[in-house]
Protein backbone atom coordinates (compact mmCIF):
# COMPACT_ATOMS: atom_id res chain seq x y z
CA MET A 1 94.59 218.19 43.74
CA CYS A 2 91.90 215.71 44.59
CA ILE A 3 92.13 213.02 47.25
CA ARG A 4 92.28 210.29 44.60
CA ASP A 5 95.42 211.75 43.00
CA ARG A 6 97.12 212.07 46.39
CA TYR A 7 96.35 208.42 47.17
CA GLN A 8 97.71 207.23 43.82
CA ARG A 9 100.94 209.21 44.29
CA ARG A 10 101.42 207.81 47.77
CA VAL A 11 100.92 204.24 46.56
CA ARG A 12 103.33 204.84 43.66
CA GLY A 13 105.99 206.20 46.03
CA LEU A 14 105.68 203.24 48.38
CA THR A 15 106.03 200.84 45.43
CA ILE A 16 109.19 202.58 44.17
CA ALA A 17 110.72 202.61 47.67
CA HIS A 18 109.98 198.90 48.09
CA THR A 19 111.54 198.11 44.71
CA MET A 20 114.70 200.09 45.51
CA SER A 21 115.07 198.41 48.88
CA ARG A 22 115.22 194.90 47.39
CA PRO A 23 118.96 195.04 46.44
CA ALA A 24 119.81 196.46 49.84
CA ASN A 25 117.92 193.64 51.55
CA ALA A 26 119.69 191.06 49.39
CA LEU A 27 123.11 192.54 50.21
CA ALA A 28 122.23 192.57 53.91
CA LYS A 29 121.27 188.88 53.74
CA ILE A 30 124.52 187.99 51.95
CA ALA A 31 126.60 189.93 54.48
CA SER A 32 124.85 188.27 57.43
CA SER A 33 125.32 184.81 55.88
CA ALA A 34 129.03 185.48 55.32
CA ALA A 35 129.44 186.69 58.91
CA ILE A 36 127.69 183.58 60.25
CA GLY A 37 129.86 181.35 58.04
CA ALA A 38 133.06 183.00 59.22
CA LEU A 39 131.94 182.65 62.82
CA CYS A 40 131.20 178.97 62.34
CA LEU A 41 134.60 178.45 60.65
CA ASN A 42 136.38 180.08 63.57
CA GLN A 43 134.44 177.93 65.99
CA VAL A 44 135.43 174.78 64.09
CA HIS A 45 139.09 175.81 64.15
CA ASN A 46 138.97 176.76 67.81
CA ASN A 47 137.31 173.50 68.81
CA ALA A 48 139.37 171.26 66.51
CA ASP A 49 141.54 168.49 67.89
CA HIS A 50 144.63 169.62 65.98
CA ILE A 51 146.57 172.77 65.12
CA VAL A 52 145.84 174.45 61.79
CA PRO A 53 149.15 174.69 59.85
CA PRO A 54 150.39 178.12 58.76
CA ASP A 55 150.40 179.33 55.17
CA TYR A 56 153.94 178.72 53.89
CA PRO A 57 155.22 180.79 50.94
CA TYR A 58 155.78 178.08 48.32
CA SER A 59 156.93 179.28 44.92
CA HIS A 60 154.16 177.41 43.05
CA LYS A 61 151.34 179.19 44.87
CA GLY A 62 149.49 182.06 43.27
CA PHE A 63 148.30 182.79 39.77
CA LEU A 64 151.80 183.30 38.34
CA GLY A 65 153.68 180.80 40.55
CA GLY A 66 155.48 177.75 39.17
CA PHE A 67 157.05 174.60 40.59
CA ASP A 68 160.73 174.53 41.51
CA ALA A 69 162.28 171.72 39.43
CA SER A 70 165.24 171.39 41.80
CA ALA A 71 162.88 170.98 44.76
CA ILE A 72 160.87 168.35 42.85
CA ARG A 73 164.07 166.37 42.17
CA ARG A 74 165.18 166.57 45.79
CA GLY A 75 161.67 165.68 46.94
CA HIS A 76 161.66 162.60 44.72
CA GLN A 77 164.95 161.60 46.28
CA VAL A 78 163.40 161.94 49.75
CA TYR A 79 160.37 159.92 48.67
CA THR A 80 162.53 157.16 47.15
CA ASN A 81 164.80 156.81 50.17
CA VAL A 82 162.31 157.42 52.99
CA CYS A 83 158.63 157.34 52.01
CA ALA A 84 158.64 154.60 49.35
CA SER A 85 159.33 151.88 51.93
CA CYS A 86 155.70 152.21 53.18
CA HIS A 87 153.74 154.52 50.86
CA SER A 88 152.82 153.86 47.25
CA MET A 89 152.20 156.28 44.37
CA ASN A 90 150.06 154.19 42.05
CA LEU A 91 148.90 157.07 39.83
CA LEU A 92 152.36 158.33 38.89
CA ALA A 93 154.53 156.77 36.18
CA TYR A 94 158.27 157.12 35.73
CA ARG A 95 157.76 158.92 32.41
CA ASN A 96 156.03 161.76 34.29
CA LEU A 97 159.45 162.72 35.69
CA LYS A 98 160.86 163.27 32.20
CA ASP A 99 161.78 166.89 31.39
CA VAL A 100 160.57 167.96 34.83
CA CYS A 101 163.39 166.97 37.14
CA TYR A 102 165.21 164.16 35.26
CA THR A 103 166.40 163.50 31.76
CA GLU A 104 165.27 160.45 29.82
CA ASP A 105 168.64 158.75 30.26
CA GLU A 106 168.55 159.31 34.02
CA ILE A 107 165.08 157.78 34.24
CA LYS A 108 166.13 154.75 32.18
CA GLU A 109 169.11 154.25 34.46
CA MET A 110 166.79 154.51 37.46
CA CYS A 111 164.38 151.94 35.98
CA GLU A 112 167.18 149.42 35.37
CA GLU A 113 167.57 149.08 39.14
CA LEU A 114 163.86 148.29 39.65
CA GLU A 115 161.88 145.16 38.94
CA VAL A 116 158.16 144.92 38.30
CA GLU A 117 155.90 141.91 38.09
CA ASP A 118 154.53 141.24 34.61
CA GLY A 119 152.76 138.47 32.79
CA PRO A 120 151.43 135.97 32.33
CA ASN A 121 153.93 134.50 29.89
CA ASP A 122 153.34 131.72 27.40
CA GLU A 123 153.29 129.23 30.26
CA GLY A 124 150.71 131.21 32.22
CA GLU A 125 153.11 132.30 34.95
CA MET A 126 154.00 135.75 36.23
CA PHE A 127 157.58 136.93 35.90
CA ASP A 128 159.79 139.85 36.95
CA ARG A 129 161.35 142.24 34.48
CA PRO A 130 163.20 145.57 34.64
CA ALA A 131 160.93 148.58 34.90
CA LYS A 132 160.14 150.77 31.89
CA LEU A 133 159.28 154.46 31.59
CA SER A 134 155.60 153.58 31.09
CA ASP A 135 155.39 151.63 34.36
CA HIS A 136 153.85 153.18 37.43
CA PHE A 137 155.87 153.59 40.59
CA VAL A 138 156.63 150.24 42.21
CA ALA A 139 154.44 149.75 45.28
CA PRO A 140 156.06 148.55 48.53
CA TYR A 141 153.25 146.04 49.23
CA LYS A 142 151.23 143.73 47.03
CA ASN A 143 147.87 144.47 48.69
CA GLU A 144 146.26 146.27 51.61
CA GLU A 145 146.36 143.22 53.88
CA GLU A 146 150.13 142.92 53.55
CA ALA A 147 150.50 146.64 54.21
CA ARG A 148 148.42 146.46 57.40
CA PHE A 149 150.22 143.36 58.63
CA SER A 150 153.59 145.07 58.19
CA ASN A 151 152.49 148.25 60.00
CA ASN A 152 150.66 146.90 63.07
CA GLY A 153 147.24 147.30 61.49
CA ALA A 154 147.78 150.82 60.13
CA TYR A 155 147.37 151.28 56.38
CA PRO A 156 149.85 153.75 54.82
CA PRO A 157 147.84 155.84 52.34
CA ASP A 158 148.78 156.23 48.72
CA LEU A 159 150.59 159.54 48.18
CA SER A 160 149.62 160.21 44.57
CA LEU A 161 146.90 162.71 45.50
CA ILE A 162 147.67 163.23 49.18
CA ALA A 163 148.40 166.94 48.64
CA LYS A 164 144.84 167.46 47.35
CA ALA A 165 143.23 165.05 49.79
CA ARG A 166 144.08 167.26 52.76
CA MET A 167 142.44 170.60 53.45
CA ASP A 168 145.68 172.59 53.82
CA LYS A 169 147.50 170.64 51.08
CA GLU A 170 151.30 170.95 51.13
CA ASP A 171 151.18 173.23 54.17
CA TYR A 172 149.69 170.34 56.14
CA LEU A 173 152.32 167.90 54.83
CA PHE A 174 155.22 170.14 55.87
CA ALA A 175 153.70 170.86 59.28
CA LEU A 176 153.02 167.17 59.87
CA LEU A 177 156.54 166.04 58.95
CA THR A 178 158.17 168.68 61.17
CA GLY A 179 155.56 168.74 63.97
CA TYR A 180 156.65 165.76 66.07
CA ARG A 181 157.30 166.68 69.69
CA GLU A 182 156.94 165.41 73.22
CA PRO A 183 153.32 165.36 74.44
CA PRO A 184 152.46 168.13 76.90
CA SER A 185 151.54 167.35 80.47
CA GLY A 186 148.07 165.94 80.85
CA ILE A 187 148.01 164.19 77.45
CA SER A 188 148.57 160.43 77.36
CA VAL A 189 149.67 158.79 74.12
CA MET A 190 148.47 155.28 73.35
CA PRO A 191 151.03 152.49 72.86
CA GLY A 192 152.46 152.46 69.34
CA MET A 193 151.32 156.05 68.67
CA HIS A 194 153.31 159.28 68.43
CA TYR A 195 152.25 162.79 69.40
CA ASN A 196 151.84 165.29 66.56
CA PRO A 197 149.55 168.30 67.15
CA TYR A 198 148.99 168.81 63.41
CA PHE A 199 147.44 165.35 62.95
CA PRO A 200 143.70 165.02 63.72
CA GLY A 201 143.46 163.64 67.21
CA GLY A 202 147.07 164.50 67.98
CA GLN A 203 148.25 160.88 67.76
CA ILE A 204 149.69 159.26 64.64
CA ALA A 205 151.03 155.75 64.06
CA MET A 206 153.87 156.90 61.79
CA PRO A 207 156.99 157.80 63.78
CA LYS A 208 159.21 160.74 62.90
CA GLN A 209 160.91 159.95 59.61
CA LEU A 210 163.17 162.90 58.78
CA MET A 211 166.45 163.49 60.61
CA ASP A 212 169.18 166.02 59.87
CA GLY A 213 171.84 164.67 57.54
CA MET A 214 170.15 161.36 56.75
CA LEU A 215 170.47 161.97 52.98
CA ASP A 216 173.05 163.41 50.60
CA TYR A 217 171.41 165.54 47.92
CA ASP A 218 172.80 165.36 44.41
CA ASP A 219 173.09 169.15 44.18
CA GLY A 220 174.85 169.51 47.55
CA THR A 221 171.94 171.16 49.37
CA PRO A 222 172.20 170.58 53.17
CA ALA A 223 169.73 167.80 54.00
CA THR A 224 168.17 169.21 57.15
CA ALA A 225 164.86 167.86 58.39
CA SER A 226 163.00 171.03 57.41
CA GLN A 227 164.65 171.11 53.97
CA MET A 228 163.67 167.51 53.26
CA ALA A 229 160.12 168.13 54.51
CA LYS A 230 159.82 171.15 52.24
CA ASP A 231 161.20 169.29 49.20
CA VAL A 232 159.01 166.22 49.58
CA SER A 233 155.97 168.48 50.12
CA VAL A 234 156.72 170.23 46.83
CA PHE A 235 157.19 166.87 45.11
CA LEU A 236 153.85 165.57 46.40
CA ALA A 237 152.11 168.82 45.41
CA TRP A 238 153.52 168.44 41.89
CA ALA A 239 152.55 164.75 41.78
CA ALA A 240 148.94 165.66 42.61
CA GLU A 241 148.80 168.09 39.66
CA PRO A 242 151.71 167.63 37.22
CA THR A 243 150.14 169.92 34.59
CA GLN A 244 149.66 172.92 36.88
CA ASP A 245 152.37 175.05 35.23
CA GLU A 246 151.06 174.33 31.74
CA ARG A 247 147.51 175.12 32.86
CA LYS A 248 148.55 178.46 34.34
CA LEU A 249 150.50 179.35 31.19
CA MET A 250 147.52 178.48 29.01
CA GLY A 251 145.28 180.57 31.25
CA ILE A 252 147.56 183.59 30.85
CA LYS A 253 147.49 183.16 27.06
CA TRP A 254 143.69 182.90 26.97
CA ILE A 255 143.19 185.89 29.26
CA SER A 256 145.55 187.96 27.11
CA CYS A 257 143.71 186.99 23.92
CA LEU A 258 140.32 187.70 25.47
CA ALA A 259 141.54 191.09 26.74
CA VAL A 260 142.72 192.06 23.23
CA ALA A 261 139.45 190.82 21.72
CA ALA A 262 137.43 192.80 24.27
CA ALA A 263 139.43 195.96 23.53
CA LEU A 264 138.92 195.59 19.77
CA THR A 265 135.23 194.85 20.23
CA GLY A 266 134.77 197.91 22.46
CA TYR A 267 136.61 200.12 19.98
CA TYR A 268 134.52 198.87 17.07
CA LYS A 269 131.28 199.29 19.04
CA ARG A 270 132.10 202.80 20.26
CA PHE A 271 133.75 204.42 17.26
CA ARG A 272 132.52 202.40 14.27
CA TRP A 273 129.06 201.10 15.01
CA GLY A 274 128.10 203.84 17.49
CA PRO A 275 127.82 206.71 14.95
CA LEU A 276 125.80 204.52 12.59
CA LYS A 277 123.42 203.46 15.36
CA SER A 278 122.87 206.97 16.78
CA ARG A 279 122.61 208.91 13.52
CA ARG A 280 119.40 210.59 12.53
CA ILE A 281 118.08 210.48 9.00
CA SER A 282 115.73 213.22 7.94
CA TYR A 283 113.61 212.98 4.82
CA VAL A 284 112.79 216.31 3.26
């Protein structure tokens, strides 16, 4: 073998080794990036000014999970009697409750007790009328200025999408509602604020709202503070995505249809088209 052939073989071997090492290098870069990201996430959590809430086992979590209609009804009762005095839900209409946690007659009876501002009439004036199923939830304040004036400058946020507006979603809501406690030694709370380690900064203007036995549920469930916090968290999670159950059901149907189509396609390719594609025709 001449020197030229040896050189060409050596160059060819180095090229093949370099080509095979590319996927390994890419995987190493991805693994290092993931490790750095996880380290940064832990550092953010360790240096944060609040406690990260735990992962609570709600029934609507997961690919096959669905909302508890009884919990949604109880949560709406908690919202109506406790939260609605300060917080609005401008993106939710009364008709959204139909066939979820109330019947149509129950919603109509509920709307008869509410009044909404409508107009103008033929004289150009606004007037009050009983609420209808198509109306959105009645807001407690007319505008943001009135809300801030009634709450010492604090603006109560709208709760329509609050479950999606927070990083930990309904887990954060439950932890916040049940996390009020006395501040530890060394921490001073500003006047008009309340200590809650789950709120960013540890100080929140909203006082503790849920007390044991403050409500009487329609289904007789004991109205403890934790039970009410859990129910209103489920209600707010449903309000943020009312079509979640239908979306999951549609996803299961589509995945099932695609799985059957993939199986039929694989069978046809392997046992029907395969012999035709691999056959050999000889002309004699």
